[in-house]
Amino acid sequence: MKAKEIRSMSSMELNGQLETLKGELFNLRFQQATGQLENVSRIRVVKRNIARVKTVMHEKNMKAQGE
């Protein structure tokens, strides 16, 4: 997921995307703990996408406050 795609989302979509990514990260960590995870690099990708979504959400909040 690119930052450009994330910036085009509304705040409701961002919240939904964040919840989806957090759920996916939980499932990946669970799979890793039980030894069922095949693609370990997916955890890193999901964590970075969470960070991107949070960054864009923060930017939008700061812009809305006028700072």
C-alpha atoms as a PDB file:
ATOM      1  CA  MET A   1       0.000   0.000   0.000  1.00  0.00           C
ATOM      2  CA  LYS A   2       1.420   3.345  -1.032  1.00  0.00           C
ATOM      3  CA  ALA A   3       1.149   6.556   0.968  1.00  0.00           C
ATOM      4  CA  LYS A   4      -0.534   8.209  -2.011  1.00  0.00           C
ATOM      5  CA  GLU A   5      -3.344   5.642  -1.868  1.00  0.00           C
ATOM      6  CA  ILE A   6      -3.715   6.136   1.866  1.00  0.00           C
ATOM      7  CA  ARG A   7      -3.895   9.927   1.577  1.00  0.00           C
ATOM      8  CA  SER A   8      -6.816   9.633  -0.832  1.00  0.00           C
ATOM      9  CA  MET A   9      -8.911   7.788   1.791  1.00  0.00           C
ATOM     10  CA  SER A  10     -11.410   9.458   4.101  1.00  0.00           C
ATOM     11  CA  SER A  11     -10.989   9.350   7.873  1.00  0.00           C
ATOM     12  CA  MET A  12     -13.634   6.628   8.182  1.00  0.00           C
ATOM     13  CA  GLU A  13     -11.830   4.512   5.590  1.00  0.00           C
ATOM     14  CA  LEU A  14      -8.535   5.072   7.403  1.00  0.00           C
ATOM     15  CA  ASN A  15     -10.029   3.863  10.679  1.00  0.00           C
ATOM     16  CA  GLY A  16     -11.400   0.783   8.950  1.00  0.00           C
ATOM     17  CA  GLN A  17      -8.095   0.098   7.239  1.00  0.00           C
ATOM     18  CA  LEU A  18      -6.230   0.467  10.531  1.00  0.00           C
ATOM     19  CA  GLU A  19      -8.514  -2.044  12.256  1.00  0.00           C
ATOM     20  CA  THR A  20      -8.127  -4.470   9.353  1.00  0.00           C
ATOM     21  CA  LEU A  21      -4.336  -4.215   9.458  1.00  0.00           C
ATOM     22  CA  LYS A  22      -4.236  -4.655  13.233  1.00  0.00           C
ATOM     23  CA  GLY A  23      -6.373  -7.777  12.922  1.00  0.00           C
ATOM     24  CA  GLU A  24      -4.102  -9.142  10.216  1.00  0.00           C
ATOM     25  CA  LEU A  25      -1.027  -8.455  12.350  1.00  0.00           C
ATOM     26  CA  PHE A  26      -2.619 -10.290  15.274  1.00  0.00           C
ATOM     27  CA  ASN A  27      -3.339 -13.302  13.071  1.00  0.00           C
ATOM     28  CA  LEU A  28       0.183 -13.300  11.658  1.00  0.00           C
ATOM     29  CA  ARG A  29       1.703 -13.169  15.145  1.00  0.00           C
ATOM     30  CA  PHE A  30      -0.564 -15.994  16.257  1.00  0.00           C
ATOM     31  CA  GLN A  31       0.495 -18.088  13.273  1.00  0.00           C
ATOM     32  CA  GLN A  32       4.130 -17.358  14.009  1.00  0.00           C
ATOM     33  CA  ALA A  33       3.759 -18.421  17.640  1.00  0.00           C
ATOM     34  CA  THR A  34       2.172 -21.712  16.609  1.00  0.00           C
ATOM     35  CA  GLY A  35       4.753 -22.354  13.882  1.00  0.00           C
ATOM     36  CA  GLN A  36       2.300 -22.125  10.996  1.00  0.00           C
ATOM     37  CA  LEU A  37       3.552 -18.885   9.425  1.00  0.00           C
ATOM     38  CA  GLU A  38       5.241 -19.434   6.070  1.00  0.00           C
ATOM     39  CA  ASN A  39       5.860 -15.854   4.915  1.00  0.00           C
ATOM     40  CA  VAL A  40       7.601 -14.172   7.850  1.00  0.00           C
ATOM     41  CA  SER A  41       8.285 -10.979   5.897  1.00  0.00           C
ATOM     42  CA  ARG A  42       4.537 -10.266   5.757  1.00  0.00           C
ATOM     43  CA  ILE A  43       4.673  -9.149   9.415  1.00  0.00           C
ATOM     44  CA  ARG A  44       7.134  -6.408   8.509  1.00  0.00           C
ATOM     45  CA  VAL A  45       4.994  -5.233   5.596  1.00  0.00           C
ATOM     46  CA  VAL A  46       1.839  -5.069   7.719  1.00  0.00           C
ATOM     47  CA  LYS A  47       3.619  -3.165  10.497  1.00  0.00           C
ATOM     48  CA  ARG A  48       4.849  -0.599   7.983  1.00  0.00           C
ATOM     49  CA  ASN A  49       1.372  -0.210   6.518  1.00  0.00           C
ATOM     50  CA  ILE A  50      -0.001   0.404  10.025  1.00  0.00           C
ATOM     51  CA  ALA A  51       2.627   3.094  10.512  1.00  0.00           C
ATOM     52  CA  ARG A  52       1.717   4.694   7.175  1.00  0.00           C
ATOM     53  CA  VAL A  53      -1.976   4.797   8.041  1.00  0.00           C
ATOM     54  CA  LYS A  54      -1.263   6.276  11.478  1.00  0.00           C
ATOM     55  CA  THR A  55       1.028   8.909   9.944  1.00  0.00           C
ATOM     56  CA  VAL A  56      -1.603  10.008   7.434  1.00  0.00           C
ATOM     57  CA  MET A  57      -4.255  10.092  10.167  1.00  0.00           C
ATOM     58  CA  HIS A  58      -1.989  12.314  12.262  1.00  0.00           C
ATOM     59  CA  GLU A  59      -1.297  14.604   9.287  1.00  0.00           C
ATOM     60  CA  LYS A  60      -5.021  14.988   8.650  1.00  0.00           C
ATOM     61  CA  ASN A  61      -5.680  15.747  12.331  1.00  0.00           C
ATOM     62  CA  MET A  62      -2.966  18.403  12.387  1.00  0.00           C
ATOM     63  CA  LYS A  63      -4.278  19.932   9.182  1.00  0.00           C
ATOM     64  CA  ALA A  64      -7.819  20.009  10.587  1.00  0.00           C
ATOM     65  CA  GLN A  65      -6.589  21.800  13.713  1.00  0.00           C
ATOM     66  CA  GLY A  66      -4.795  24.366  11.579  1.00  0.00           C
ATOM     67  CA  GLU A  67      -1.307  23.679  12.854  1.00  0.00           C
END
